[in-house]
Structures are given as C-alpha cells and as structure tokens.
PDB file of N, CA and C in Angstrom:
ATOM      1  N   MET A   1     251.138  79.404 255.857  1.00  0.00           N
ATOM      2  CA  MET A   1     250.036  79.042 256.717  1.00  0.00           C
ATOM      3  C   MET A   1     249.239  77.917 256.123  1.00  0.00           C
ATOM      4  N   ARG A   2     248.970  77.020 256.871  1.00  0.00           N
ATOM      5  CA  ARG A   2     248.108  75.761 256.414  1.00  0.00           C
ATOM      6  C   ARG A   2     246.711  76.064 256.559  1.00  0.00           C
ATOM      7  N   PHE A   3     245.949  75.219 255.820  1.00  0.00           N
ATOM      8  CA  PHE A   3     244.527  75.277 255.934  1.00  0.00           C
ATOM      9  C   PHE A   3     243.965  73.885 255.705  1.00  0.00           C
ATOM     10  N   ILE A   4     242.759  73.742 256.219  1.00  0.00           N
ATOM     11  CA  ILE A   4     242.080  72.437 256.106  1.00  0.00           C
ATOM     12  C   ILE A   4     240.782  72.694 255.426  1.00  0.00           C
ATOM     13  N   ILE A   5     240.442  71.786 254.530  1.00  0.00           N
ATOM     14  CA  ILE A   5     239.073  71.917 253.804  1.00  0.00           C
ATOM     15  C   ILE A   5     238.283  70.711 254.147  1.00  0.00           C
ATOM     16  N   ARG A   6     237.055  70.873 254.558  1.00  0.00           N
ATOM     17  CA  ARG A   6     236.079  69.717 254.881  1.00  0.00           C
ATOM     18  C   ARG A   6     234.855  70.049 254.001  1.00  0.00           C
ATOM     19  N   GLU A   7     234.490  69.237 253.120  1.00  0.00           N
ATOM     20  CA  GLU A   7     233.325  69.460 252.325  1.00  0.00           C
ATOM     21  C   GLU A   7     232.121  68.630 252.720  1.00  0.00           C
ATOM     22  N   GLU A   8     230.989  69.223 252.451  1.00  0.00           N
ATOM     23  CA  GLU A   8     229.655  68.528 252.761  1.00  0.00           C
ATOM     24  C   GLU A   8     229.583  68.111 254.234  1.00  0.00           C
ATOM     25  N   ILE A   9     229.726  69.047 255.076  1.00  0.00           N
ATOM     26  CA  ILE A   9     229.661  68.879 256.563  1.00  0.00           C
ATOM     27  C   ILE A   9     228.183  69.273 256.967  1.00  0.00           C
ATOM     28  N   ASN A  10     227.598  68.569 257.826  1.00  0.00           N
ATOM     29  CA  ASN A  10     226.298  68.965 258.387  1.00  0.00           C
ATOM     30  C   ASN A  10     226.418  70.310 259.026  1.00  0.00           C
ATOM     31  N   ASN A  11     225.416  71.123 258.742  1.00  0.00           N
ATOM     32  CA  ASN A  11     225.436  72.570 259.232  1.00  0.00           C
ATOM     33  C   ASN A  11     224.934  72.603 260.703  1.00  0.00           C
ATOM     34  N   SER A  12     225.820  72.064 261.639  1.00  0.00           N
ATOM     35  CA  SER A  12     225.490  72.137 263.100  1.00  0.00           C
ATOM     36  C   SER A  12     226.738  72.214 263.867  1.00  0.00           C
ATOM     37  N   ILE A  13     226.549  72.870 265.036  1.00  0.00           N
ATOM     38  CA  ILE A  13     227.690  73.047 265.937  1.00  0.00           C
ATOM     39  C   ILE A  13     228.257  71.643 266.352  1.00  0.00           C
ATOM     40  N   LYS A  14     227.338  70.744 266.514  1.00  0.00           N
ATOM     41  CA  LYS A  14     227.824  69.365 266.911  1.00  0.00           C
ATOM     42  C   LYS A  14     228.796  68.849 265.907  1.00  0.00           C
ATOM     43  N   ASP A  15     228.503  68.953 264.530  1.00  0.00           N
ATOM     44  CA  ASP A  15     229.436  68.438 263.638  1.00  0.00           C
ATOM     45  C   ASP A  15     230.645  69.387 263.413  1.00  0.00           C
ATOM     46  N   PHE A  16     230.456  70.713 263.636  1.00  0.00           N
ATOM     47  CA  PHE A  16     231.608  71.625 263.445  1.00  0.00           C
ATOM     48  C   PHE A  16     232.624  71.336 264.550  1.00  0.00           C
ATOM     49  N   ARG A  17     232.295  70.891 265.742  1.00  0.00           N
ATOM     50  CA  ARG A  17     233.175  70.581 266.884  1.00  0.00           C
ATOM     51  C   ARG A  17     234.254  69.586 266.426  1.00  0.00           C
ATOM     52  N   LYS A  18     233.905  68.712 265.467  1.00  0.00           N
ATOM     53  CA  LYS A  18     234.751  67.668 265.021  1.00  0.00           C
ATOM     54  C   LYS A  18     235.966  68.220 264.273  1.00  0.00           C
ATOM     55  N   TYR A  19     235.783  69.388 263.643  1.00  0.00           N
ATOM     56  CA  TYR A  19     236.728  69.922 262.643  1.00  0.00           C
ATOM     57  C   TYR A  19     237.415  71.228 263.069  1.00  0.00           C
ATOM     58  N   ILE A  20     236.693  72.051 263.957  1.00  0.00           N
ATOM     59  CA  ILE A  20     237.106  73.383 264.196  1.00  0.00           C
ATOM     60  C   ILE A  20     237.779  73.444 265.555  1.00  0.00           C
ATOM     61  N   PRO A  21     238.999  74.079 265.668  1.00  0.00           N
ATOM     62  CA  PRO A  21     239.724  74.201 266.917  1.00  0.00           C
ATOM     63  C   PRO A  21     238.697  74.881 267.944  1.00  0.00           C
ATOM     64  N   ALA A  22     238.822  74.428 269.176  1.00  0.00           N
ATOM     65  CA  ALA A  22     237.944  74.843 270.300  1.00  0.00           C
ATOM     66  C   ALA A  22     237.890  76.367 270.473  1.00  0.00           C
ATOM     67  N   ARG A  23     239.115  77.049 270.248  1.00  0.00           N
ATOM     68  CA  ARG A  23     239.039  78.472 270.501  1.00  0.00           C
ATOM     69  C   ARG A  23     238.315  79.223 269.438  1.00  0.00           C
ATOM     70  N   TYR A  24     237.955  78.612 268.383  1.00  0.00           N
ATOM     71  CA  TYR A  24     237.095  79.310 267.265  1.00  0.00           C
ATOM     72  C   TYR A  24     235.591  79.049 267.540  1.00  0.00           C
ATOM     73  N   LEU A  25     235.171  78.035 268.223  1.00  0.00           N
ATOM     74  CA  LEU A  25     233.812  77.688 268.375  1.00  0.00           C
ATOM     75  C   LEU A  25     232.883  78.791 268.872  1.00  0.00           C
ATOM     76  N   PRO A  26     233.283  79.622 269.815  1.00  0.00           N
ATOM     77  CA  PRO A  26     232.353  80.651 270.298  1.00  0.00           C
ATOM     78  C   PRO A  26     231.985  81.690 269.192  1.00  0.00           C
ATOM     79  N   ALA A  27     232.749  81.749 268.142  1.00  0.00           N
ATOM     80  CA  ALA A  27     232.381  82.683 266.961  1.00  0.00           C
ATOM     81  C   ALA A  27     231.518  82.030 265.969  1.00  0.00           C
ATOM     82  N   ILE A  28     231.193  80.776 266.162  1.00  0.00           N
ATOM     83  CA  ILE A  28     230.421  79.960 265.187  1.00  0.00           C
ATOM     84  C   ILE A  28     229.009  79.760 265.581  1.00  0.00           C
ATOM     85  N   GLY A  29     228.127  80.033 264.664  1.00  0.00           N
ATOM     86  CA  GLY A  29     226.660  79.686 264.937  1.00  0.00           C
ATOM     87  C   GLY A  29     226.188  78.938 263.705  1.00  0.00           C
ATOM     88  N   LYS A  30     224.930  78.614 263.620  1.00  0.00           N
ATOM     89  CA  LYS A  30     224.386  77.952 262.359  1.00  0.00           C
ATOM     90  C   LYS A  30     224.499  79.002 261.267  1.00  0.00           C
ATOM     91  N   ILE A  31     225.042  78.567 260.129  1.00  0.00           N
ATOM     92  CA  ILE A  31     225.267  79.487 259.074  1.00  0.00           C
ATOM     93  C   ILE A  31     224.342  79.180 257.924  1.00  0.00           C
ATOM     94  N   LYS A  32     223.748  80.237 257.440  1.00  0.00           N
ATOM     95  CA  LYS A  32     222.870  80.142 256.345  1.00  0.00           C
ATOM     96  C   LYS A  32     221.757  79.085 256.405  1.00  0.00           C
ATOM     97  N   ASP A  33     220.886  79.029 255.520  1.00  0.00           N
ATOM     98  CA  ASP A  33     219.802  77.984 255.560  1.00  0.00           C
ATOM     99  C   ASP A  33     220.204  76.951 254.622  1.00  0.00           C
ATOM    100  N   ALA A  34     221.237  76.098 255.062  1.00  0.00           N
ATOM    101  CA  ALA A  34     221.660  74.998 254.230  1.00  0.00           C
ATOM    102  C   ALA A  34     221.837  73.762 255.190  1.00  0.00           C
ATOM    103  N   SER A  35     221.601  72.644 254.685  1.00  0.00           N
ATOM    104  CA  SER A  35     221.786  71.447 255.571  1.00  0.00           C
ATOM    105  C   SER A  35     223.250  71.059 255.555  1.00  0.00           C
ATOM    106  N   LYS A  36     223.991  71.351 254.484  1.00  0.00           N
ATOM    107  CA  LYS A  36     225.385  70.957 254.429  1.00  0.00           C
ATOM    108  C   LYS A  36     226.238  72.165 253.956  1.00  0.00           C
ATOM    109  N   VAL A  37     227.396  72.301 254.460  1.00  0.00           N
ATOM    110  CA  VAL A  37     228.362  73.369 254.094  1.00  0.00           C
ATOM    111  C   VAL A  37     229.750  72.823 253.929  1.00  0.00           C
ATOM    112  N   SER A  38     230.601  73.638 253.288  1.00  0.00           N
ATOM    113  CA  SER A  38     232.023  73.328 253.271  1.00  0.00           C
ATOM    114  C   SER A  38     232.690  74.159 254.255  1.00  0.00           C
ATOM    115  N   LEU A  39     233.739  73.696 254.920  1.00  0.00           N
ATOM    116  CA  LEU A  39     234.450  74.502 255.808  1.00  0.00           C
ATOM    117  C   LEU A  39     235.923  74.652 255.347  1.00  0.00           C
ATOM    118  N   VAL A  40     236.372  75.907 255.416  1.00  0.00           N
ATOM    119  CA  VAL A  40     237.800  76.161 255.151  1.00  0.00           C
ATOM    120  C   VAL A  40     238.295  76.750 256.551  1.00  0.00           C
ATOM    121  N   ILE A  41     239.268  75.993 257.095  1.00  0.00           N
ATOM    122  CA  ILE A  41     239.737  76.296 258.440  1.00  0.00           C
ATOM    123  C   ILE A  41     241.247  76.666 258.386  1.00  0.00           C
ATOM    124  N   PHE A  42     241.548  77.753 258.954  1.00  0.00           N
ATOM    125  CA  PHE A  42     242.931  78.200 259.091  1.00  0.00           C
ATOM    126  C   PHE A  42     243.266  78.082 260.612  1.00  0.00           C
ATOM    127  N   PRO A  43     243.796  76.980 261.126  1.00  0.00           N
ATOM    128  CA  PRO A  43     243.875  76.781 262.560  1.00  0.00           C
ATOM    129  C   PRO A  43     244.985  77.621 263.246  1.00  0.00           C
ATOM    130  N   ASP A  44     245.977  78.218 262.565  1.00  0.00           N
ATOM    131  CA  ASP A  44     246.937  79.021 263.227  1.00  0.00           C
ATOM    132  C   ASP A  44     246.388  80.341 263.601  1.00  0.00           C
ATOM    133  N   LYS A  45     246.654  80.778 264.875  1.00  0.00           N
ATOM    134  CA  LYS A  45     245.892  82.008 265.359  1.00  0.00           C
ATOM    135  C   LYS A  45     246.756  83.218 265.269  1.00  0.00           C
ATOM    136  N   ILE A  46     247.893  83.214 264.622  1.00  0.00           N
ATOM    137  CA  ILE A  46     248.769  84.398 264.656  1.00  0.00           C
ATOM    138  C   ILE A  46     248.851  85.050 263.262  1.00  0.00           C
ATOM    139  N   HIS A  47     248.101  84.575 262.316  1.00  0.00           N
ATOM    140  CA  HIS A  47     248.272  85.054 260.976  1.00  0.00           C
ATOM    141  C   HIS A  47     246.933  85.655 260.422  1.00  0.00           C
ATOM    142  N   VAL A  48     247.133  86.488 259.368  1.00  0.00           N
ATOM    143  CA  VAL A  48     245.994  86.994 258.642  1.00  0.00           C
ATOM    144  C   VAL A  48     245.915  86.223 257.312  1.00  0.00           C
ATOM    145  N   VAL A  49     244.672  85.809 256.989  1.00  0.00           N
ATOM    146  CA  VAL A  49     244.455  85.202 255.675  1.00  0.00           C
ATOM    147  C   VAL A  49     244.478  86.238 254.580  1.00  0.00           C
ATOM    148  N   THR A  50     245.253  86.118 253.580  1.00  0.00           N
ATOM    149  CA  THR A  50     245.311  87.106 252.575  1.00  0.00           C
ATOM    150  C   THR A  50     244.674  86.601 251.321  1.00  0.00           C
ATOM    151  N   THR A  51     244.609  87.361 250.214  1.00  0.00           N
ATOM    152  CA  THR A  51     243.989  86.876 248.981  1.00  0.00           C
ATOM    153  C   THR A  51     244.654  85.674 248.402  1.00  0.00           C
ATOM    154  N   GLY A  52     245.969  85.679 248.480  1.00  0.00           N
ATOM    155  CA  GLY A  52     246.692  84.564 247.933  1.00  0.00           C
ATOM    156  C   GLY A  52     246.248  83.334 248.620  1.00  0.00           C
ATOM    157  N   LEU A  53     246.217  83.215 249.980  1.00  0.00           N
ATOM    158  CA  LEU A  53     245.706  82.028 250.631  1.00  0.00           C
ATOM    159  C   LEU A  53     244.247  81.772 250.316  1.00  0.00           C
ATOM    160  N   ALA A  54     243.489  82.741 250.326  1.00  0.00           N
ATOM    161  CA  ALA A  54     241.997  82.469 249.991  1.00  0.00           C
ATOM    162  C   ALA A  54     241.873  81.873 248.628  1.00  0.00           C
ATOM    163  N   ASN A  55     242.545  82.420 247.588  1.00  0.00           N
ATOM    164  CA  ASN A  55     242.499  81.854 246.243  1.00  0.00           C
ATOM    165  C   ASN A  55     243.050  80.508 246.158  1.00  0.00           C
ATOM    166  N   LYS A  56     244.068  80.205 246.929  1.00  0.00           N
ATOM    167  CA  LYS A  56     244.697  78.796 246.994  1.00  0.00           C
ATOM    168  C   LYS A  56     243.620  77.846 247.456  1.00  0.00           C
ATOM    169  N   ALA A  57     243.093  78.221 248.627  1.00  0.00           N
ATOM    170  CA  ALA A  57     241.985  77.258 249.200  1.00  0.00           C
ATOM    171  C   ALA A  57     240.812  77.221 248.309  1.00  0.00           C
ATOM    172  N   LEU A  58     240.347  78.241 247.652  1.00  0.00           N
ATOM    173  CA  LEU A  58     239.187  78.247 246.754  1.00  0.00           C
ATOM    174  C   LEU A  58     239.392  77.270 245.595  1.00  0.00           C
ATOM    175  N   LYS A  59     240.592  77.206 245.099  1.00  0.00           N
ATOM    176  CA  LYS A  59     240.877  76.270 243.914  1.00  0.00           C
ATOM    177  C   LYS A  59     240.669  74.866 244.400  1.00  0.00           C
ATOM    178  N   ARG A  60     240.912  74.596 245.611  1.00  0.00           N
ATOM    179  CA  ARG A  60     240.834  73.105 246.040  1.00  0.00           C
ATOM    180  C   ARG A  60     239.407  72.704 246.492  1.00  0.00           C
ATOM    181  N   ILE A  61     238.455  73.539 246.461  1.00  0.00           N
ATOM    182  CA  ILE A  61     237.077  73.205 246.858  1.00  0.00           C
ATOM    183  C   ILE A  61     236.393  72.733 245.596  1.00  0.00           C
ATOM    184  N   THR A  62     235.835  71.513 245.712  1.00  0.00           N
ATOM    185  CA  THR A  62     235.332  70.825 244.545  1.00  0.00           C
ATOM    186  C   THR A  62     233.857  71.263 244.260  1.00  0.00           C
ATOM    187  N   ASN A  63     233.090  71.558 245.276  1.00  0.00           N
ATOM    188  CA  ASN A  63     231.650  71.994 245.076  1.00  0.00           C
ATOM    189  C   ASN A  63     231.520  73.457 245.492  1.00  0.00           C
ATOM    190  N   LYS A  64     231.648  74.350 244.564  1.00  0.00           N
ATOM    191  CA  LYS A  64     231.606  75.734 244.842  1.00  0.00           C
ATOM    192  C   LYS A  64     230.112  76.307 244.919  1.00  0.00           C
ATOM    193  N   GLU A  65     229.159  75.433 244.683  1.00  0.00           N
ATOM    194  CA  GLU A  65     227.806  75.772 244.780  1.00  0.00           C
ATOM    195  C   GLU A  65     227.287  75.711 246.243  1.00  0.00           C
ATOM    196  N   MET A  66     227.947  74.814 247.018  1.00  0.00           N
ATOM    197  CA  MET A  66     227.679  74.687 248.470  1.00  0.00           C
ATOM    198  C   MET A  66     228.108  75.900 249.233  1.00  0.00           C
ATOM    199  N   PRO A  67     227.381  76.304 250.247  1.00  0.00           N
ATOM    200  CA  PRO A  67     227.887  77.455 251.056  1.00  0.00           C
ATOM    201  C   PRO A  67     229.254  77.082 251.645  1.00  0.00           C
ATOM    202  N   ILE A  68     230.189  78.080 251.633  1.00  0.00           N
ATOM    203  CA  ILE A  68     231.416  77.835 252.122  1.00  0.00           C
ATOM    204  C   ILE A  68     231.698  78.796 253.369  1.00  0.00           C
ATOM    205  N   ILE A  69     232.095  78.191 254.502  1.00  0.00           N
ATOM    206  CA  ILE A  69     232.329  78.851 255.724  1.00  0.00           C
ATOM    207  C   ILE A  69     233.805  78.890 255.916  1.00  0.00           C
ATOM    208  N   TRP A  70     234.345  80.160 256.059  1.00  0.00           N
ATOM    209  CA  TRP A  70     235.784  80.298 256.220  1.00  0.00           C
ATOM    210  C   TRP A  70     236.072  80.727 257.672  1.00  0.00           C
ATOM    211  N   ILE A  71     236.914  80.056 258.389  1.00  0.00           N
ATOM    212  CA  ILE A  71     237.215  80.294 259.755  1.00  0.00           C
ATOM    213  C   ILE A  71     238.737  80.537 259.976  1.00  0.00           C
ATOM    214  N   ALA A  72     239.083  81.742 260.516  1.00  0.00           N
ATOM    215  CA  ALA A  72     240.399  82.060 260.775  1.00  0.00           C
ATOM    216  C   ALA A  72     240.473  83.029 261.840  1.00  0.00           C
ATOM    217  N   TRP A  73     241.742  83.257 262.365  1.00  0.00           N
ATOM    218  CA  TRP A  73     241.969  84.340 263.392  1.00  0.00           C
ATOM    219  C   TRP A  73     241.595  85.702 262.784  1.00  0.00           C
ATOM    220  N   SER A  74     242.036  85.967 261.602  1.00  0.00           N
ATOM    221  CA  SER A  74     241.739  87.258 260.963  1.00  0.00           C
ATOM    222  C   SER A  74     241.880  87.024 259.422  1.00  0.00           C
ATOM    223  N   PHE A  75     241.186  87.973 258.700  1.00  0.00           N
ATOM    224  CA  PHE A  75     241.230  88.003 257.259  1.00  0.00           C
ATOM    225  C   PHE A  75     241.658  89.487 256.848  1.00  0.00           C
ATOM    226  N   SER A  76     242.367  89.561 255.802  1.00  0.00           N
ATOM    227  CA  SER A  76     242.605  90.845 255.262  1.00  0.00           C
ATOM    228  C   SER A  76     241.295  91.487 254.615  1.00  0.00           C
ATOM    229  N   VAL A  77     241.207  92.654 254.466  1.00  0.00           N
ATOM    230  CA  VAL A  77     240.099  93.276 253.901  1.00  0.00           C
ATOM    231  C   VAL A  77     239.892  92.727 252.362  1.00  0.00           C
ATOM    232  N   GLU A  78     240.995  92.610 251.708  1.00  0.00           N
ATOM    233  CA  GLU A  78     240.903  92.086 250.381  1.00  0.00           C
ATOM    234  C   GLU A  78     240.495  90.539 250.341  1.00  0.00           C
ATOM    235  N   ALA A  79     240.929  89.782 251.285  1.00  0.00           N
ATOM    236  CA  ALA A  79     240.416  88.407 251.338  1.00  0.00           C
ATOM    237  C   ALA A  79     239.013  88.277 251.567  1.00  0.00           C
ATOM    238  N   HIS A  80     238.530  89.182 252.452  1.00  0.00           N
ATOM    239  CA  HIS A  80     237.022  89.207 252.645  1.00  0.00           C
ATOM    240  C   HIS A  80     236.295  89.396 251.372  1.00  0.00           C
ATOM    241  N   LYS A  81     236.774  90.279 250.465  1.00  0.00           N
ATOM    242  CA  LYS A  81     236.132  90.436 249.148  1.00  0.00           C
ATOM    243  C   LYS A  81     236.217  89.214 248.284  1.00  0.00           C
ATOM    244  N   VAL A  82     237.331  88.476 248.292  1.00  0.00           N
ATOM    245  CA  VAL A  82     237.395  87.222 247.544  1.00  0.00           C
ATOM    246  C   VAL A  82     236.399  86.186 248.060  1.00  0.00           C
ATOM    247  N   ILE A  83     236.279  86.083 249.388  1.00  0.00           N
ATOM    248  CA  ILE A  83     235.343  85.230 249.987  1.00  0.00           C
ATOM    249  C   ILE A  83     233.875  85.553 249.694  1.00  0.00           C
ATOM    250  N   GLU A  84     233.563  86.812 249.768  1.00  0.00           N
ATOM    251  CA  GLU A  84     232.236  87.246 249.484  1.00  0.00           C
ATOM    252  C   GLU A  84     231.898  87.058 248.065  1.00  0.00           C
ATOM    253  N   ASP A  85     232.814  87.282 247.146  1.00  0.00           N
ATOM    254  CA  ASP A  85     232.601  87.137 245.708  1.00  0.00           C
ATOM    255  C   ASP A  85     232.351  85.571 245.375  1.00  0.00           C
ATOM    256  N   SER A  86     232.803  84.681 246.227  1.00  0.00           N
ATOM    257  CA  SER A  86     232.552  83.241 246.064  1.00  0.00           C
ATOM    258  C   SER A  86     231.413  82.769 246.765  1.00  0.00           C
ATOM    259  N   HIS A  87     230.585  83.698 247.311  1.00  0.00           N
ATOM    260  CA  HIS A  87     229.416  83.391 248.045  1.00  0.00           C
ATOM    261  C   HIS A  87     229.712  82.675 249.357  1.00  0.00           C
ATOM    262  N   GLY A  88     230.876  83.024 249.944  1.00  0.00           N
ATOM    263  CA  GLY A  88     231.258  82.416 251.177  1.00  0.00           C
ATOM    264  C   GLY A  88     231.025  83.338 252.387  1.00  0.00           C
ATOM    265  N   THR A  89     231.239  82.841 253.594  1.00  0.00           N
ATOM    266  CA  THR A  89     231.048  83.626 254.853  1.00  0.00           C
ATOM    267  C   THR A  89     232.367  83.471 255.607  1.00  0.00           C
ATOM    268  N   ALA A  90     232.982  84.657 255.760  1.00  0.00           N
ATOM    269  CA  ALA A  90     234.187  84.741 256.620  1.00  0.00           C
ATOM    270  C   ALA A  90     233.888  84.906 257.968  1.00  0.00           C
ATOM    271  N   ILE A  91     234.437  84.082 258.931  1.00  0.00           N
ATOM    272  CA  ILE A  91     234.260  84.212 260.382  1.00  0.00           C
ATOM    273  C   ILE A  91     235.569  84.411 260.999  1.00  0.00           C
ATOM    274  N   PRO A  92     235.922  85.654 261.298  1.00  0.00           N
ATOM    275  CA  PRO A  92     237.173  85.940 261.961  1.00  0.00           C
ATOM    276  C   PRO A  92     237.004  85.808 263.475  1.00  0.00           C
ATOM    277  N   VAL A  93     237.942  85.337 264.184  1.00  0.00           N
ATOM    278  CA  VAL A  93     237.905  85.257 265.608  1.00  0.00           C
ATOM    279  C   VAL A  93     238.419  86.555 266.171  1.00  0.00           C
ATOM    280  N   GLY A  94     239.596  87.140 265.575  1.00  0.00           N
ATOM    281  CA  GLY A  94     240.092  88.322 265.898  1.00  0.00           C
ATOM    282  C   GLY A  94     239.270  89.435 265.289  1.00  0.00           C
ATOM    283  N   ASN A  95     239.403  90.646 265.682  1.00  0.00           N
ATOM    284  CA  ASN A  95     238.449  91.640 265.138  1.00  0.00           C
ATOM    285  C   ASN A  95     239.169  92.870 264.611  1.00  0.00           C
ATOM    286  N   TYR A  96     240.440  92.664 264.061  1.00  0.00           N
ATOM    287  CA  TYR A  96     241.248  93.692 263.489  1.00  0.00           C
ATOM    288  C   TYR A  96     241.161  93.569 261.904  1.00  0.00           C
ATOM    289  N   SER A  97     240.717  94.623 261.235  1.00  0.00           N
ATOM    290  CA  SER A  97     240.700  94.518 259.825  1.00  0.00           C
ATOM    291  C   SER A  97     241.965  94.998 259.131  1.00  0.00           C
ATOM    292  N   TRP A  98     242.791  94.047 258.741  1.00  0.00           N
ATOM    293  CA  TRP A  98     244.050  94.326 258.166  1.00  0.00           C
ATOM    294  C   TRP A  98     243.789  94.556 256.715  1.00  0.00           C
ATOM    295  N   ASN A  99     244.550  95.490 256.088  1.00  0.00           N
ATOM    296  CA  ASN A  99     244.665  95.526 254.575  1.00  0.00           C
ATOM    297  C   ASN A  99     245.976  94.870 254.303  1.00  0.00           C
ATOM    298  N   GLU A 100     246.163  94.296 253.083  1.00  0.00           N
ATOM    299  CA  GLU A 100     247.364  93.504 252.906  1.00  0.00           C
ATOM    300  C   GLU A 100     248.669  94.367 252.821  1.00  0.00           C
ATOM    301  N   ASP A 101     248.516  95.566 252.367  1.00  0.00           N
ATOM    302  CA  ASP A 101     249.688  96.472 252.278  1.00  0.00           C
ATOM    303  C   ASP A 101     250.196  96.633 253.759  1.00  0.00           C
ATOM    304  N   ARG A 102     249.322  96.940 254.650  1.00  0.00           N
ATOM    305  CA  ARG A 102     249.770  97.150 256.050  1.00  0.00           C
ATOM    306  C   ARG A 102     250.276  95.886 256.789  1.00  0.00           C
ATOM    307  N   TRP A 103     249.569  94.750 256.505  1.00  0.00           N
ATOM    308  CA  TRP A 103     250.114  93.540 257.016  1.00  0.00           C
ATOM    309  C   TRP A 103     251.505  93.189 256.533  1.00  0.00           C
ATOM    310  N   ASN A 104     251.738  93.393 255.264  1.00  0.00           N
ATOM    311  CA  ASN A 104     253.141  93.120 254.759  1.00  0.00           C
ATOM    312  C   ASN A 104     254.119  94.152 255.337  1.00  0.00           C
ATOM    313  N   GLU A 105     253.671  95.362 255.439  1.00  0.00           N
ATOM    314  CA  GLU A 105     254.585  96.386 256.027  1.00  0.00           C
ATOM    315  C   GLU A 105     255.119  95.987 257.424  1.00  0.00           C
ATOM    316  N   VAL A 106     254.162  95.527 258.250  1.00  0.00           N
ATOM    317  CA  VAL A 106     254.383  95.157 259.709  1.00  0.00           C
ATOM    318  C   VAL A 106     255.026  93.845 259.827  1.00  0.00           C
ATOM    319  N   HIS A 107     254.640  92.806 259.009  1.00  0.00           N
ATOM    320  CA  HIS A 107     255.119  91.527 259.215  1.00  0.00           C
ATOM    321  C   HIS A 107     256.017  90.977 258.090  1.00  0.00           C
ATOM    322  N   GLY A 108     256.196  91.825 257.035  1.00  0.00           N
ATOM    323  CA  GLY A 108     257.092  91.278 255.880  1.00  0.00           C
ATOM    324  C   GLY A 108     256.359  90.242 255.068  1.00  0.00           C
ATOM    325  N   GLY A 109     256.908  89.922 253.894  1.00  0.00           N
ATOM    326  CA  GLY A 109     256.273  89.004 253.080  1.00  0.00           C
ATOM    327  C   GLY A 109     255.450  89.611 251.953  1.00  0.00           C
ATOM    328  N   SER A 110     254.717  88.767 251.288  1.00  0.00           N
ATOM    329  CA  SER A 110     253.857  89.277 250.215  1.00  0.00           C
ATOM    330  C   SER A 110     252.526  88.541 250.266  1.00  0.00           C
ATOM    331  N   PRO A 111     251.455  89.141 249.741  1.00  0.00           N
ATOM    332  CA  PRO A 111     250.150  88.525 249.789  1.00  0.00           C
ATOM    333  C   PRO A 111     250.018  87.261 248.989  1.00  0.00           C
TER     334      PRO A 111
END
C-alpha cells in the first residue's frame, strides 16, 4: 500500500482539499490548535493500515514535533496505538476496528 506525506500544510479544509482524496474529506475537520500540520495519506480505500506501514511512514516524517494527521480507509487497533504514541491523530473513513491478527487471517500477509 502506498502513502503520501505532506509536511507543514495549513490546518484548513481549503488546503486539505489539495492533498486528500475527495471521498475522505467528509471525515476531516480542523484538527488540533495548530496553524500547520503534517498529513500522512493512504489513498487506497480497500486496505487497513498496519503497524508496519505506520512505522514506515513515521520514519519518513522530518518534523515529528508538528501535529501529524493520518488519513486512511481503516487502521488496525495496533496502528492506532503507534499513531497515538507519536502524538498523531488517526482519521479512519471506514469504521471497522481490525486487529492485525484478524486482518492477516482474513486477507493473508503479515503486518
């Protein structure tokens, strides 16, 4: 699964529209009390972001002090923990809470 990182984006829907797929916009509002944020966007809508993907994206973010907004169709329960531990905010569009063991059992692969 691919992801896109945009750093130091103005914290406004107007600016988010430039980077976030339209199907994700209804889930987005102004996040935190910050003028700038970093976005991590997983544009594919059929996958769950796992800890492996979250850690891979986190390593590529240069300013980890800035609020990080994570946008995806769905996140595993474990990936939510990684994101929260990095002071990020996960915004899932889907509403099913997968754990990684169950995701791998159903879809194959590894986290």
